[in-house]
Amino acid sequence: MIIINLLGLSLIGLIVWWFWLYKPKEVTANEGVIMITVENGTYEPSRIRLPAGKPATLRFVRKDASPCAATVVFADFDISEELPLDKSKDVILPAKEPGEYSFTCQMQMYRGKLIVTGEK
């Protein structure tokens, strides 16, 4: 009975951590190329902070053979790019207004976020 209670409390702790306490790794980039790895159903890093009013280059390296990982979509910028397996692919984003912009795979299972801050 004690083991079951401990397992239940551990599961509750895991749920609280995952939904309320976990913060994905965030990268801040002012200049240069940002490397993003597509692997195991995720973009790493999945949160990217960019300055407003400047174009940015994101370099995707796809290590996941899943067909879902084959495309990255930036719906707000009308950009869709094929990602070759085990090769890098540069995606050049135009200058952006402050705000938050999502990027996903074509099925929206892989998710990432661009956080654009600051003055133009």
PDB file of N, CA and C in Angstrom:
ATOM      1  N   MET A   1       0.822  -1.194   0.000  1.00  0.00           N
ATOM      2  CA  MET A   1       0.000   0.000   0.000  1.00  0.00           C
ATOM      3  C   MET A   1       0.873   1.267   0.000  1.00  0.00           C
ATOM      4  N   ILE A   2       1.958   1.256   0.761  1.00  0.00           N
ATOM      5  CA  ILE A   2       2.851   2.411   0.820  1.00  0.00           C
ATOM      6  C   ILE A   2       3.500   2.647  -0.542  1.00  0.00           C
ATOM      7  N   ILE A   3       3.862   1.573  -1.221  1.00  0.00           N
ATOM      8  CA  ILE A   3       4.493   1.698  -2.546  1.00  0.00           C
ATOM      9  C   ILE A   3       3.535   2.350  -3.534  1.00  0.00           C
ATOM     10  N   ILE A   4       2.281   1.944  -3.503  1.00  0.00           N
ATOM     11  CA  ILE A   4       1.285   2.523  -4.407  1.00  0.00           C
ATOM     12  C   ILE A   4       1.114   4.014  -4.119  1.00  0.00           C
ATOM     13  N   ASN A   5       1.056   4.386  -2.857  1.00  0.00           N
ATOM     14  CA  ASN A   5       0.930   5.803  -2.496  1.00  0.00           C
ATOM     15  C   ASN A   5       2.145   6.612  -2.951  1.00  0.00           C
ATOM     16  N   LEU A   6       3.337   6.055  -2.766  1.00  0.00           N
ATOM     17  CA  LEU A   6       4.552   6.745  -3.206  1.00  0.00           C
ATOM     18  C   LEU A   6       4.582   6.903  -4.729  1.00  0.00           C
ATOM     19  N   LEU A   7       4.172   5.861  -5.446  1.00  0.00           N
ATOM     20  CA  LEU A   7       4.107   5.963  -6.905  1.00  0.00           C
ATOM     21  C   LEU A   7       3.080   7.014  -7.339  1.00  0.00           C
ATOM     22  N   GLY A   8       1.952   7.056  -6.656  1.00  0.00           N
ATOM     23  CA  GLY A   8       0.928   8.063  -6.962  1.00  0.00           C
ATOM     24  C   GLY A   8       1.428   9.477  -6.718  1.00  0.00           C
ATOM     25  N   LEU A   9       2.105   9.699  -5.607  1.00  0.00           N
ATOM     26  CA  LEU A   9       2.658  11.020  -5.312  1.00  0.00           C
ATOM     27  C   LEU A   9       3.747  11.405  -6.316  1.00  0.00           C
ATOM     28  N   SER A  10       4.546  10.419  -6.715  1.00  0.00           N
ATOM     29  CA  SER A  10       5.578  10.690  -7.725  1.00  0.00           C
ATOM     30  C   SER A  10       4.945  11.095  -9.049  1.00  0.00           C
ATOM     31  N   LEU A  11       3.893  10.419  -9.431  1.00  0.00           N
ATOM     32  CA  LEU A  11       3.191  10.749 -10.668  1.00  0.00           C
ATOM     33  C   LEU A  11       2.575  12.144 -10.593  1.00  0.00           C
ATOM     34  N   ILE A  12       1.981  12.491  -9.473  1.00  0.00           N
ATOM     35  CA  ILE A  12       1.429  13.841  -9.291  1.00  0.00           C
ATOM     36  C   ILE A  12       2.540  14.882  -9.385  1.00  0.00           C
ATOM     37  N   GLY A  13       3.683  14.609  -8.757  1.00  0.00           N
ATOM     38  CA  GLY A  13       4.816  15.531  -8.841  1.00  0.00           C
ATOM     39  C   GLY A  13       5.299  15.712 -10.273  1.00  0.00           C
ATOM     40  N   LEU A  14       5.367  14.627 -11.028  1.00  0.00           N
ATOM     41  CA  LEU A  14       5.778  14.695 -12.433  1.00  0.00           C
ATOM     42  C   LEU A  14       4.796  15.527 -13.259  1.00  0.00           C
ATOM     43  N   ILE A  15       3.515  15.340 -13.035  1.00  0.00           N
ATOM     44  CA  ILE A  15       2.495  16.115 -13.761  1.00  0.00           C
ATOM     45  C   ILE A  15       2.605  17.596 -13.432  1.00  0.00           C
ATOM     46  N   VAL A  16       2.775  17.938 -12.171  1.00  0.00           N
ATOM     47  CA  VAL A  16       2.932  19.347 -11.771  1.00  0.00           C
ATOM     48  C   VAL A  16       4.167  19.946 -12.419  1.00  0.00           C
ATOM     49  N   TRP A  17       5.275  19.218 -12.397  1.00  0.00           N
ATOM     50  CA  TRP A  17       6.500  19.723 -13.021  1.00  0.00           C
ATOM     51  C   TRP A  17       6.290  19.932 -14.523  1.00  0.00           C
ATOM     52  N   TRP A  18       5.720  18.958 -15.215  1.00  0.00           N
ATOM     53  CA  TRP A  18       5.581  19.032 -16.673  1.00  0.00           C
ATOM     54  C   TRP A  18       4.670  20.182 -17.105  1.00  0.00           C
ATOM     55  N   PHE A  19       3.538  20.363 -16.458  1.00  0.00           N
ATOM     56  CA  PHE A  19       2.568  21.352 -16.916  1.00  0.00           C
ATOM     57  C   PHE A  19       2.767  22.747 -16.333  1.00  0.00           C
ATOM     58  N   TRP A  20       3.387  22.869 -15.148  1.00  0.00           N
ATOM     59  CA  TRP A  20       3.476  24.186 -14.528  1.00  0.00           C
ATOM     60  C   TRP A  20       4.893  24.667 -14.254  1.00  0.00           C
ATOM     61  N   LEU A  21       5.823  23.787 -14.036  1.00  0.00           N
ATOM     62  CA  LEU A  21       7.162  24.214 -13.646  1.00  0.00           C
ATOM     63  C   LEU A  21       8.200  24.115 -14.755  1.00  0.00           C
ATOM     64  N   TYR A  22       8.010  23.228 -15.729  1.00  0.00           N
ATOM     65  CA  TYR A  22       9.000  23.010 -16.783  1.00  0.00           C
ATOM     66  C   TYR A  22       9.043  24.194 -17.749  1.00  0.00           C
ATOM     67  N   LYS A  23      10.218  24.711 -17.981  1.00  0.00           N
ATOM     68  CA  LYS A  23      10.442  25.780 -18.955  1.00  0.00           C
ATOM     69  C   LYS A  23      11.431  25.269 -19.989  1.00  0.00           C
ATOM     70  N   PRO A  24      11.023  25.201 -21.268  1.00  0.00           N
ATOM     71  CA  PRO A  24      11.973  24.719 -22.265  1.00  0.00           C
ATOM     72  C   PRO A  24      13.166  25.649 -22.395  1.00  0.00           C
ATOM     73  N   LYS A  25      14.276  25.089 -22.830  1.00  0.00           N
ATOM     74  CA  LYS A  25      15.492  25.865 -23.038  1.00  0.00           C
ATOM     75  C   LYS A  25      15.213  26.974 -24.042  1.00  0.00           C
ATOM     76  N   GLU A  26      15.685  28.166 -23.716  1.00  0.00           N
ATOM     77  CA  GLU A  26      15.484  29.318 -24.594  1.00  0.00           C
ATOM     78  C   GLU A  26      16.838  29.881 -25.004  1.00  0.00           C
ATOM     79  N   VAL A  27      16.968  30.209 -26.287  1.00  0.00           N
ATOM     80  CA  VAL A  27      18.202  30.766 -26.820  1.00  0.00           C
ATOM     81  C   VAL A  27      17.923  32.195 -27.246  1.00  0.00           C
ATOM     82  N   THR A  28      18.815  33.116 -26.886  1.00  0.00           N
ATOM     83  CA  THR A  28      18.718  34.503 -27.327  1.00  0.00           C
ATOM     84  C   THR A  28      19.779  34.733 -28.380  1.00  0.00           C
ATOM     85  N   ALA A  29      19.350  35.295 -29.497  1.00  0.00           N
ATOM     86  CA  ALA A  29      20.285  35.540 -30.592  1.00  0.00           C
ATOM     87  C   ALA A  29      20.181  36.984 -31.042  1.00  0.00           C
ATOM     88  N   ASN A  30      21.285  37.678 -31.069  1.00  0.00           N
ATOM     89  CA  ASN A  30      21.312  39.037 -31.573  1.00  0.00           C
ATOM     90  C   ASN A  30      21.825  39.076 -33.009  1.00  0.00           C
ATOM     91  N   GLU A  31      22.795  38.272 -33.296  1.00  0.00           N
ATOM     92  CA  GLU A  31      23.362  38.199 -34.637  1.00  0.00           C
ATOM     93  C   GLU A  31      23.838  36.787 -34.897  1.00  0.00           C
ATOM     94  N   GLY A  32      24.051  36.459 -36.165  1.00  0.00           N
ATOM     95  CA  GLY A  32      24.586  35.153 -36.505  1.00  0.00           C
ATOM     96  C   GLY A  32      23.503  34.135 -36.794  1.00  0.00           C
ATOM     97  N   VAL A  33      23.926  32.889 -36.865  1.00  0.00           N
ATOM     98  CA  VAL A  33      23.057  31.778 -37.213  1.00  0.00           C
ATOM     99  C   VAL A  33      22.690  31.008 -35.952  1.00  0.00           C
ATOM    100  N   ILE A  34      21.438  30.631 -35.832  1.00  0.00           N
ATOM    101  CA  ILE A  34      20.972  29.850 -34.693  1.00  0.00           C
ATOM    102  C   ILE A  34      20.794  28.408 -35.164  1.00  0.00           C
ATOM    103  N   MET A  35      21.460  27.472 -34.505  1.00  0.00           N
ATOM    104  CA  MET A  35      21.393  26.061 -34.854  1.00  0.00           C
ATOM    105  C   MET A  35      20.238  25.402 -34.111  1.00  0.00           C
ATOM    106  N   ILE A  36      19.357  24.717 -34.854  1.00  0.00           N
ATOM    107  CA  ILE A  36      18.217  24.007 -34.274  1.00  0.00           C
ATOM    108  C   ILE A  36      18.289  22.555 -34.729  1.00  0.00           C
ATOM    109  N   THR A  37      18.270  21.638 -33.772  1.00  0.00           N
ATOM    110  CA  THR A  37      18.301  20.211 -34.075  1.00  0.00           C
ATOM    111  C   THR A  37      16.884  19.660 -34.026  1.00  0.00           C
ATOM    112  N   VAL A  38      16.514  18.902 -35.052  1.00  0.00           N
ATOM    113  CA  VAL A  38      15.209  18.249 -35.109  1.00  0.00           C
ATOM    114  C   VAL A  38      15.451  16.777 -34.801  1.00  0.00           C
ATOM    115  N   GLU A  39      15.034  16.368 -33.596  1.00  0.00           N
ATOM    116  CA  GLU A  39      15.346  15.019 -33.148  1.00  0.00           C
ATOM    117  C   GLU A  39      14.372  14.584 -32.068  1.00  0.00           C
ATOM    118  N   ASN A  40      13.985  13.314 -32.104  1.00  0.00           N
ATOM    119  CA  ASN A  40      13.128  12.712 -31.078  1.00  0.00           C
ATOM    120  C   ASN A  40      11.820  13.469 -30.883  1.00  0.00           C
ATOM    121  N   GLY A  41      11.247  13.956 -31.959  1.00  0.00           N
ATOM    122  CA  GLY A  41       9.946  14.621 -31.883  1.00  0.00           C
ATOM    123  C   GLY A  41       9.987  16.046 -31.370  1.00  0.00           C
ATOM    124  N   THR A  42      11.169  16.669 -31.336  1.00  0.00           N
ATOM    125  CA  THR A  42      11.259  18.039 -30.824  1.00  0.00           C
ATOM    126  C   THR A  42      12.217  18.880 -31.655  1.00  0.00           C
ATOM    127  N   TYR A  43      12.066  20.185 -31.500  1.00  0.00           N
ATOM    128  CA  TYR A  43      13.059  21.145 -31.969  1.00  0.00           C
ATOM    129  C   TYR A  43      13.887  21.522 -30.749  1.00  0.00           C
ATOM    130  N   GLU A  44      15.200  21.510 -30.874  1.00  0.00           N
ATOM    131  CA  GLU A  44      16.069  21.872 -29.747  1.00  0.00           C
ATOM    132  C   GLU A  44      17.071  22.923 -30.198  1.00  0.00           C
ATOM    133  N   PRO A  45      17.006  24.132 -29.742  1.00  0.00           N
ATOM    134  CA  PRO A  45      16.059  24.673 -28.771  1.00  0.00           C
ATOM    135  C   PRO A  45      14.703  24.915 -29.423  1.00  0.00           C
ATOM    136  N   SER A  46      13.662  24.915 -28.604  1.00  0.00           N
ATOM    137  CA  SER A  46      12.309  25.116 -29.119  1.00  0.00           C
ATOM    138  C   SER A  46      11.818  26.547 -28.895  1.00  0.00           C
ATOM    139  N   ARG A  47      12.545  27.331 -28.125  1.00  0.00           N
ATOM    140  CA  ARG A  47      12.193  28.748 -27.893  1.00  0.00           C
ATOM    141  C   ARG A  47      13.402  29.601 -28.249  1.00  0.00           C
ATOM    142  N   ILE A  48      13.172  30.545 -29.153  1.00  0.00           N
ATOM    143  CA  ILE A  48      14.253  31.386 -29.653  1.00  0.00           C
ATOM    144  C   ILE A  48      13.842  32.846 -29.509  1.00  0.00           C
ATOM    145  N   ARG A  49      14.663  33.611 -28.832  1.00  0.00           N
ATOM    146  CA  ARG A  49      14.413  35.041 -28.626  1.00  0.00           C
ATOM    147  C   ARG A  49      15.237  35.827 -29.645  1.00  0.00           C
ATOM    148  N   LEU A  50      14.551  36.676 -30.421  1.00  0.00           N
ATOM    149  CA  LEU A  50      15.179  37.451 -31.490  1.00  0.00           C
ATOM    150  C   LEU A  50      14.876  38.930 -31.325  1.00  0.00           C
ATOM    151  N   PRO A  51      15.769  39.805 -31.800  1.00  0.00           N
ATOM    152  CA  PRO A  51      15.469  41.239 -31.781  1.00  0.00           C
ATOM    153  C   PRO A  51      14.525  41.601 -32.924  1.00  0.00           C
ATOM    154  N   ALA A  52      13.670  42.571 -32.671  1.00  0.00           N
ATOM    155  CA  ALA A  52      12.725  43.024 -33.695  1.00  0.00           C
ATOM    156  C   ALA A  52      13.450  43.811 -34.776  1.00  0.00           C
ATOM    157  N   GLY A  53      12.879  43.803 -35.969  1.00  0.00           N
ATOM    158  CA  GLY A  53      13.376  44.629 -37.049  1.00  0.00           C
ATOM    159  C   GLY A  53      14.629  44.131 -37.735  1.00  0.00           C
ATOM    160  N   LYS A  54      15.104  42.925 -37.396  1.00  0.00           N
ATOM    161  CA  LYS A  54      16.312  42.380 -38.031  1.00  0.00           C
ATOM    162  C   LYS A  54      15.998  41.009 -38.609  1.00  0.00           C
ATOM    163  N   PRO A  55      16.501  40.719 -39.802  1.00  0.00           N
ATOM    164  CA  PRO A  55      16.322  39.357 -40.321  1.00  0.00           C
ATOM    165  C   PRO A  55      17.139  38.369 -39.488  1.00  0.00           C
ATOM    166  N   ALA A  56      16.744  37.115 -39.531  1.00  0.00           N
ATOM    167  CA  ALA A  56      17.446  36.074 -38.762  1.00  0.00           C
ATOM    168  C   ALA A  56      17.608  34.829 -39.617  1.00  0.00           C
ATOM    169  N   THR A  57      18.670  34.087 -39.358  1.00  0.00           N
ATOM    170  CA  THR A  57      18.899  32.823 -40.044  1.00  0.00           C
ATOM    171  C   THR A  57      18.853  31.697 -39.023  1.00  0.00           C
ATOM    172  N   LEU A  58      17.968  30.731 -39.275  1.00  0.00           N
ATOM    173  CA  LEU A  58      17.862  29.544 -38.436  1.00  0.00           C
ATOM    174  C   LEU A  58      18.406  28.376 -39.239  1.00  0.00           C
ATOM    175  N   ARG A  59      19.359  27.647 -38.686  1.00  0.00           N
ATOM    176  CA  ARG A  59      19.957  26.494 -39.365  1.00  0.00           C
ATOM    177  C   ARG A  59      19.404  25.232 -38.723  1.00  0.00           C
ATOM    178  N   PHE A  60      18.576  24.525 -39.462  1.00  0.00           N
ATOM    179  CA  PHE A  60      17.962  23.296 -38.990  1.00  0.00           C
ATOM    180  C   PHE A  60      18.816  22.103 -39.406  1.00  0.00           C
ATOM    181  N   VAL A  61      19.037  21.176 -38.469  1.00  0.00           N
ATOM    182  CA  VAL A  61      19.697  19.908 -38.755  1.00  0.00           C
ATOM    183  C   VAL A  61      18.722  18.815 -38.342  1.00  0.00           C
ATOM    184  N   ARG A  62      18.205  18.110 -39.340  1.00  0.00           N
ATOM    185  CA  ARG A  62      17.214  17.061 -39.086  1.00  0.00           C
ATOM    186  C   ARG A  62      17.908  15.728 -38.873  1.00  0.00           C
ATOM    187  N   LYS A  63      17.735  15.164 -37.667  1.00  0.00           N
ATOM    188  CA  LYS A  63      18.294  13.853 -37.334  1.00  0.00           C
ATOM    189  C   LYS A  63      17.188  12.821 -37.150  1.00  0.00           C
ATOM    190  N   ASP A  64      15.950  13.248 -37.276  1.00  0.00           N
ATOM    191  CA  ASP A  64      14.776  12.404 -37.082  1.00  0.00           C
ATOM    192  C   ASP A  64      14.253  11.976 -38.455  1.00  0.00           C
ATOM    193  N   ALA A  65      14.195  10.656 -38.700  1.00  0.00           N
ATOM    194  CA  ALA A  65      13.757  10.145 -40.002  1.00  0.00           C
ATOM    195  C   ALA A  65      12.244  10.183 -40.190  1.00  0.00           C
ATOM    196  N   SER A  66      11.511  10.580 -39.176  1.00  0.00           N
ATOM    197  CA  SER A  66      10.056  10.640 -39.268  1.00  0.00           C
ATOM    198  C   SER A  66       9.619  11.570 -40.398  1.00  0.00           C
ATOM    199  N   PRO A  67       8.608  11.177 -41.171  1.00  0.00           N
ATOM    200  CA  PRO A  67       8.118  12.056 -42.239  1.00  0.00           C
ATOM    201  C   PRO A  67       7.610  13.399 -41.701  1.00  0.00           C
ATOM    202  N   CYS A  68       7.148  13.410 -40.468  1.00  0.00           N
ATOM    203  CA  CYS A  68       6.653  14.658 -39.876  1.00  0.00           C
ATOM    204  C   CYS A  68       7.782  15.669 -39.705  1.00  0.00           C
ATOM    205  N   ALA A  69       8.992  15.196 -39.505  1.00  0.00           N
ATOM    206  CA  ALA A  69      10.133  16.091 -39.304  1.00  0.00           C
ATOM    207  C   ALA A  69      10.673  16.668 -40.608  1.00  0.00           C
ATOM    208  N   ALA A  70      10.129  16.240 -41.730  1.00  0.00           N
ATOM    209  CA  ALA A  70      10.674  16.607 -43.033  1.00  0.00           C
ATOM    210  C   ALA A  70      10.401  18.057 -43.436  1.00  0.00           C
ATOM    211  N   THR A  71       9.462  18.708 -42.795  1.00  0.00           N
ATOM    212  CA  THR A  71       9.097  20.076 -43.176  1.00  0.00           C
ATOM    213  C   THR A  71       8.977  20.944 -41.941  1.00  0.00           C
ATOM    214  N   VAL A  72       9.454  22.183 -42.047  1.00  0.00           N
ATOM    215  CA  VAL A  72       9.229  23.169 -40.996  1.00  0.00           C
ATOM    216  C   VAL A  72       8.381  24.289 -41.605  1.00  0.00           C
ATOM    217  N   VAL A  73       7.378  24.724 -40.841  1.00  0.00           N
ATOM    218  CA  VAL A  73       6.425  25.723 -41.329  1.00  0.00           C
ATOM    219  C   VAL A  73       6.405  26.919 -40.388  1.00  0.00           C
ATOM    220  N   PHE A  74       6.607  28.104 -40.957  1.00  0.00           N
ATOM    221  CA  PHE A  74       6.449  29.376 -40.249  1.00  0.00           C
ATOM    222  C   PHE A  74       5.212  30.041 -40.848  1.00  0.00           C
ATOM    223  N   ALA A  75       4.039  29.703 -40.323  1.00  0.00           N
ATOM    224  CA  ALA A  75       2.778  30.154 -40.914  1.00  0.00           C
ATOM    225  C   ALA A  75       2.662  31.675 -40.952  1.00  0.00           C
ATOM    226  N   ASP A  76       3.138  32.366 -39.921  1.00  0.00           N
ATOM    227  CA  ASP A  76       3.026  33.825 -39.864  1.00  0.00           C
ATOM    228  C   ASP A  76       3.867  34.522 -40.930  1.00  0.00           C
ATOM    229  N   PHE A  77       4.879  33.843 -41.448  1.00  0.00           N
ATOM    230  CA  PHE A  77       5.759  34.422 -42.466  1.00  0.00           C
ATOM    231  C   PHE A  77       5.539  33.783 -43.834  1.00  0.00           C
ATOM    232  N   ASP A  78       4.566  32.863 -43.924  1.00  0.00           N
ATOM    233  CA  ASP A  78       4.265  32.153 -45.166  1.00  0.00           C
ATOM    234  C   ASP A  78       5.510  31.436 -45.694  1.00  0.00           C
ATOM    235  N   ILE A  79       6.228  30.765 -44.784  1.00  0.00           N
ATOM    236  CA  ILE A  79       7.445  30.036 -45.133  1.00  0.00           C
ATOM    237  C   ILE A  79       7.249  28.556 -44.795  1.00  0.00           C
ATOM    238  N   SER A  80       7.567  27.701 -45.754  1.00  0.00           N
ATOM    239  CA  SER A  80       7.545  26.259 -45.556  1.00  0.00           C
ATOM    240  C   SER A  80       8.789  25.710 -46.243  1.00  0.00           C
ATOM    241  N   GLU A  81       9.634  25.008 -45.482  1.00  0.00           N
ATOM    242  CA  GLU A  81      10.901  24.503 -46.021  1.00  0.00           C
ATOM    243  C   GLU A  81      11.039  23.011 -45.747  1.00  0.00           C
ATOM    244  N   GLU A  82      11.523  22.289 -46.754  1.00  0.00           N
ATOM    245  CA  GLU A  82      11.851  20.878 -46.598  1.00  0.00           C
ATOM    246  C   GLU A  82      13.195  20.763 -45.881  1.00  0.00           C
ATOM    247  N   LEU A  83      13.290  19.846 -44.933  1.00  0.00           N
ATOM    248  CA  LEU A  83      14.521  19.623 -44.178  1.00  0.00           C
ATOM    249  C   LEU A  83      15.114  18.278 -44.576  1.00  0.00           C
ATOM    250  N   PRO A  84      16.270  18.279 -45.235  1.00  0.00           N
ATOM    251  CA  PRO A  84      16.892  16.999 -45.611  1.00  0.00           C
ATOM    252  C   PRO A  84      17.423  16.263 -44.381  1.00  0.00           C
ATOM    253  N   LEU A  85      17.394  14.956 -44.440  1.00  0.00           N
ATOM    254  CA  LEU A  85      17.859  14.128 -43.327  1.00  0.00           C
ATOM    255  C   LEU A  85      19.380  14.204 -43.206  1.00  0.00           C
ATOM    256  N   ASP A  86      19.865  14.431 -41.997  1.00  0.00           N
ATOM    257  CA  ASP A  86      21.292  14.485 -41.659  1.00  0.00           C
ATOM    258  C   ASP A  86      22.076  15.555 -42.415  1.00  0.00           C
ATOM    259  N   LYS A  87      21.405  16.605 -42.829  1.00  0.00           N
ATOM    260  CA  LYS A  87      22.057  17.740 -43.483  1.00  0.00           C
ATOM    261  C   LYS A  87      21.477  19.018 -42.905  1.00  0.00           C
ATOM    262  N   SER A  88      22.223  20.098 -43.006  1.00  0.00           N
ATOM    263  CA  SER A  88      21.710  21.368 -42.490  1.00  0.00           C
ATOM    264  C   SER A  88      20.944  22.110 -43.578  1.00  0.00           C
ATOM    265  N   LYS A  89      19.957  22.882 -43.158  1.00  0.00           N
ATOM    266  CA  LYS A  89      19.146  23.688 -44.056  1.00  0.00           C
ATOM    267  C   LYS A  89      18.932  25.037 -43.398  1.00  0.00           C
ATOM    268  N   ASP A  90      19.357  26.108 -44.051  1.00  0.00           N
ATOM    269  CA  ASP A  90      19.174  27.456 -43.528  1.00  0.00           C
ATOM    270  C   ASP A  90      17.807  27.995 -43.927  1.00  0.00           C
ATOM    271  N   VAL A  91      17.109  28.553 -42.954  1.00  0.00           N
ATOM    272  CA  VAL A  91      15.842  29.228 -43.189  1.00  0.00           C
ATOM    273  C   VAL A  91      16.053  30.684 -42.797  1.00  0.00           C
ATOM    274  N   ILE A  92      15.894  31.573 -43.759  1.00  0.00           N
ATOM    275  CA  ILE A  92      16.104  33.001 -43.507  1.00  0.00           C
ATOM    276  C   ILE A  92      14.752  33.651 -43.266  1.00  0.00           C
ATOM    277  N   LEU A  93      14.628  34.239 -42.082  1.00  0.00           N
ATOM    278  CA  LEU A  93      13.382  34.905 -41.703  1.00  0.00           C
ATOM    279  C   LEU A  93      13.515  36.398 -41.944  1.00  0.00           C
ATOM    280  N   PRO A  94      12.455  37.035 -42.409  1.00  0.00           N
ATOM    281  CA  PRO A  94      12.499  38.488 -42.618  1.00  0.00           C
ATOM    282  C   PRO A  94      12.481  39.226 -41.278  1.00  0.00           C
ATOM    283  N   ALA A  95      12.711  40.535 -41.332  1.00  0.00           N
ATOM    284  CA  ALA A  95      12.600  41.369 -40.130  1.00  0.00           C
ATOM    285  C   ALA A  95      11.190  41.213 -39.567  1.00  0.00           C
ATOM    286  N   LYS A  96      11.096  41.174 -38.256  1.00  0.00           N
ATOM    287  CA  LYS A  96       9.831  40.885 -37.611  1.00  0.00           C
ATOM    288  C   LYS A  96       9.421  41.989 -36.650  1.00  0.00           C
ATOM    289  N   GLU A  97       8.125  42.118 -36.441  1.00  0.00           N
ATOM    290  CA  GLU A  97       7.574  42.998 -35.413  1.00  0.00           C
ATOM    291  C   GLU A  97       7.622  42.257 -34.081  1.00  0.00           C
ATOM    292  N   PRO A  98       7.663  42.978 -32.953  1.00  0.00           N
ATOM    293  CA  PRO A  98       7.624  42.287 -31.651  1.00  0.00           C
ATOM    294  C   PRO A  98       6.376  41.414 -31.517  1.00  0.00           C
ATOM    295  N   GLY A  99       6.558  40.265 -30.916  1.00  0.00           N
ATOM    296  CA  GLY A  99       5.450  39.332 -30.722  1.00  0.00           C
ATOM    297  C   GLY A  99       5.975  37.917 -30.607  1.00  0.00           C
ATOM    298  N   GLU A 100       5.049  36.975 -30.582  1.00  0.00           N
ATOM    299  CA  GLU A 100       5.406  35.566 -30.523  1.00  0.00           C
ATOM    300  C   GLU A 100       4.895  34.885 -31.785  1.00  0.00           C
ATOM    301  N   TYR A 101       5.763  34.086 -32.392  1.00  0.00           N
ATOM    302  CA  TYR A 101       5.450  33.414 -33.646  1.00  0.00           C
ATOM    303  C   TYR A 101       5.808  31.940 -33.506  1.00  0.00           C
ATOM    304  N   SER A 102       4.890  31.074 -33.888  1.00  0.00           N
ATOM    305  CA  SER A 102       5.121  29.634 -33.790  1.00  0.00           C
ATOM    306  C   SER A 102       5.759  29.101 -35.059  1.00  0.00           C
ATOM    307  N   PHE A 103       6.532  28.025 -34.903  1.00  0.00           N
ATOM    308  CA  PHE A 103       6.955  27.230 -36.050  1.00  0.00           C
ATOM    309  C   PHE A 103       6.689  25.777 -35.710  1.00  0.00           C
ATOM    310  N   THR A 104       6.259  25.010 -36.704  1.00  0.00           N
ATOM    311  CA  THR A 104       5.831  23.635 -36.488  1.00  0.00           C
ATOM    312  C   THR A 104       6.233  22.767 -37.678  1.00  0.00           C
ATOM    313  N   CYS A 105       6.007  21.460 -37.509  1.00  0.00           N
ATOM    314  CA  CYS A 105       6.077  20.572 -38.658  1.00  0.00           C
ATOM    315  C   CYS A 105       4.731  20.705 -39.388  1.00  0.00           C
ATOM    316  N   GLN A 106       4.579  20.053 -40.532  1.00  0.00           N
ATOM    317  CA  GLN A 106       3.346  20.214 -41.290  1.00  0.00           C
ATOM    318  C   GLN A 106       2.129  19.650 -40.565  1.00  0.00           C
ATOM    319  N   MET A 107       2.315  18.729 -39.642  1.00  0.00           N
ATOM    320  CA  MET A 107       1.198  18.168 -38.876  1.00  0.00           C
ATOM    321  C   MET A 107       1.043  18.842 -37.516  1.00  0.00           C
ATOM    322  N   GLN A 108       1.875  19.804 -37.210  1.00  0.00           N
ATOM    323  CA  GLN A 108       1.874  20.573 -35.966  1.00  0.00           C
ATOM    324  C   GLN A 108       2.129  19.706 -34.732  1.00  0.00           C
ATOM    325  N   MET A 109       2.891  18.628 -34.909  1.00  0.00           N
ATOM    326  CA  MET A 109       3.269  17.788 -33.772  1.00  0.00           C
ATOM    327  C   MET A 109       4.573  18.272 -33.156  1.00  0.00           C
ATOM    328  N   TYR A 110       5.519  18.715 -33.977  1.00  0.00           N
ATOM    329  CA  TYR A 110       6.756  19.326 -33.503  1.00  0.00           C
ATOM    330  C   TYR A 110       6.454  20.812 -33.388  1.00  0.00           C
ATOM    331  N   ARG A 111       6.803  21.428 -32.266  1.00  0.00           N
ATOM    332  CA  ARG A 111       6.451  22.836 -32.057  1.00  0.00           C
ATOM    333  C   ARG A 111       7.625  23.631 -31.520  1.00  0.00           C
ATOM    334  N   GLY A 112       7.708  24.870 -31.982  1.00  0.00           N
ATOM    335  CA  GLY A 112       8.698  25.801 -31.486  1.00  0.00           C
ATOM    336  C   GLY A 112       8.106  27.197 -31.471  1.00  0.00           C
ATOM    337  N   LYS A 113       8.817  28.135 -30.846  1.00  0.00           N
ATOM    338  CA  LYS A 113       8.300  29.494 -30.733  1.00  0.00           C
ATOM    339  C   LYS A 113       9.424  30.496 -30.911  1.00  0.00           C
ATOM    340  N   LEU A 114       9.151  31.522 -31.719  1.00  0.00           N
ATOM    341  CA  LEU A 114      10.045  32.675 -31.848  1.00  0.00           C
ATOM    342  C   LEU A 114       9.474  33.783 -30.981  1.00  0.00           C
ATOM    343  N   ILE A 115      10.304  34.342 -30.127  1.00  0.00           N
ATOM    344  CA  ILE A 115       9.891  35.459 -29.266  1.00  0.00           C
ATOM    345  C   ILE A 115      10.672  36.676 -29.737  1.00  0.00           C
ATOM    346  N   VAL A 116       9.974  37.603 -30.368  1.00  0.00           N
ATOM    347  CA  VAL A 116      10.615  38.777 -30.939  1.00  0.00           C
ATOM    348  C   VAL A 116      10.388  39.945 -29.984  1.00  0.00           C
ATOM    349  N   THR A 117      11.507  40.551 -29.541  1.00  0.00           N
ATOM    350  CA  THR A 117      11.423  41.615 -28.537  1.00  0.00           C
ATOM    351  C   THR A 117      12.195  42.841 -28.991  1.00  0.00           C
ATOM    352  N   GLY A 118      11.925  43.945 -28.321  1.00  0.00           N
ATOM    353  CA  GLY A 118      12.721  45.151 -28.512  1.00  0.00           C
ATOM    354  C   GLY A 118      12.188  46.071 -29.576  1.00  0.00           C
ATOM    355  N   GLU A 119      12.946  47.126 -29.795  1.00  0.00           N
ATOM    356  CA  GLU A 119      12.613  48.139 -30.788  1.00  0.00           C
ATOM    357  C   GLU A 119      13.096  47.710 -32.162  1.00  0.00           C
ATOM    358  N   LYS A 120      12.444  48.259 -33.168  1.00  0.00           N
ATOM    359  CA  LYS A 120      12.868  47.987 -34.545  1.00  0.00           C
ATOM    360  C   LYS A 120      14.156  48.694 -34.855  1.00  0.00           C
TER     361      LYS A 120
END
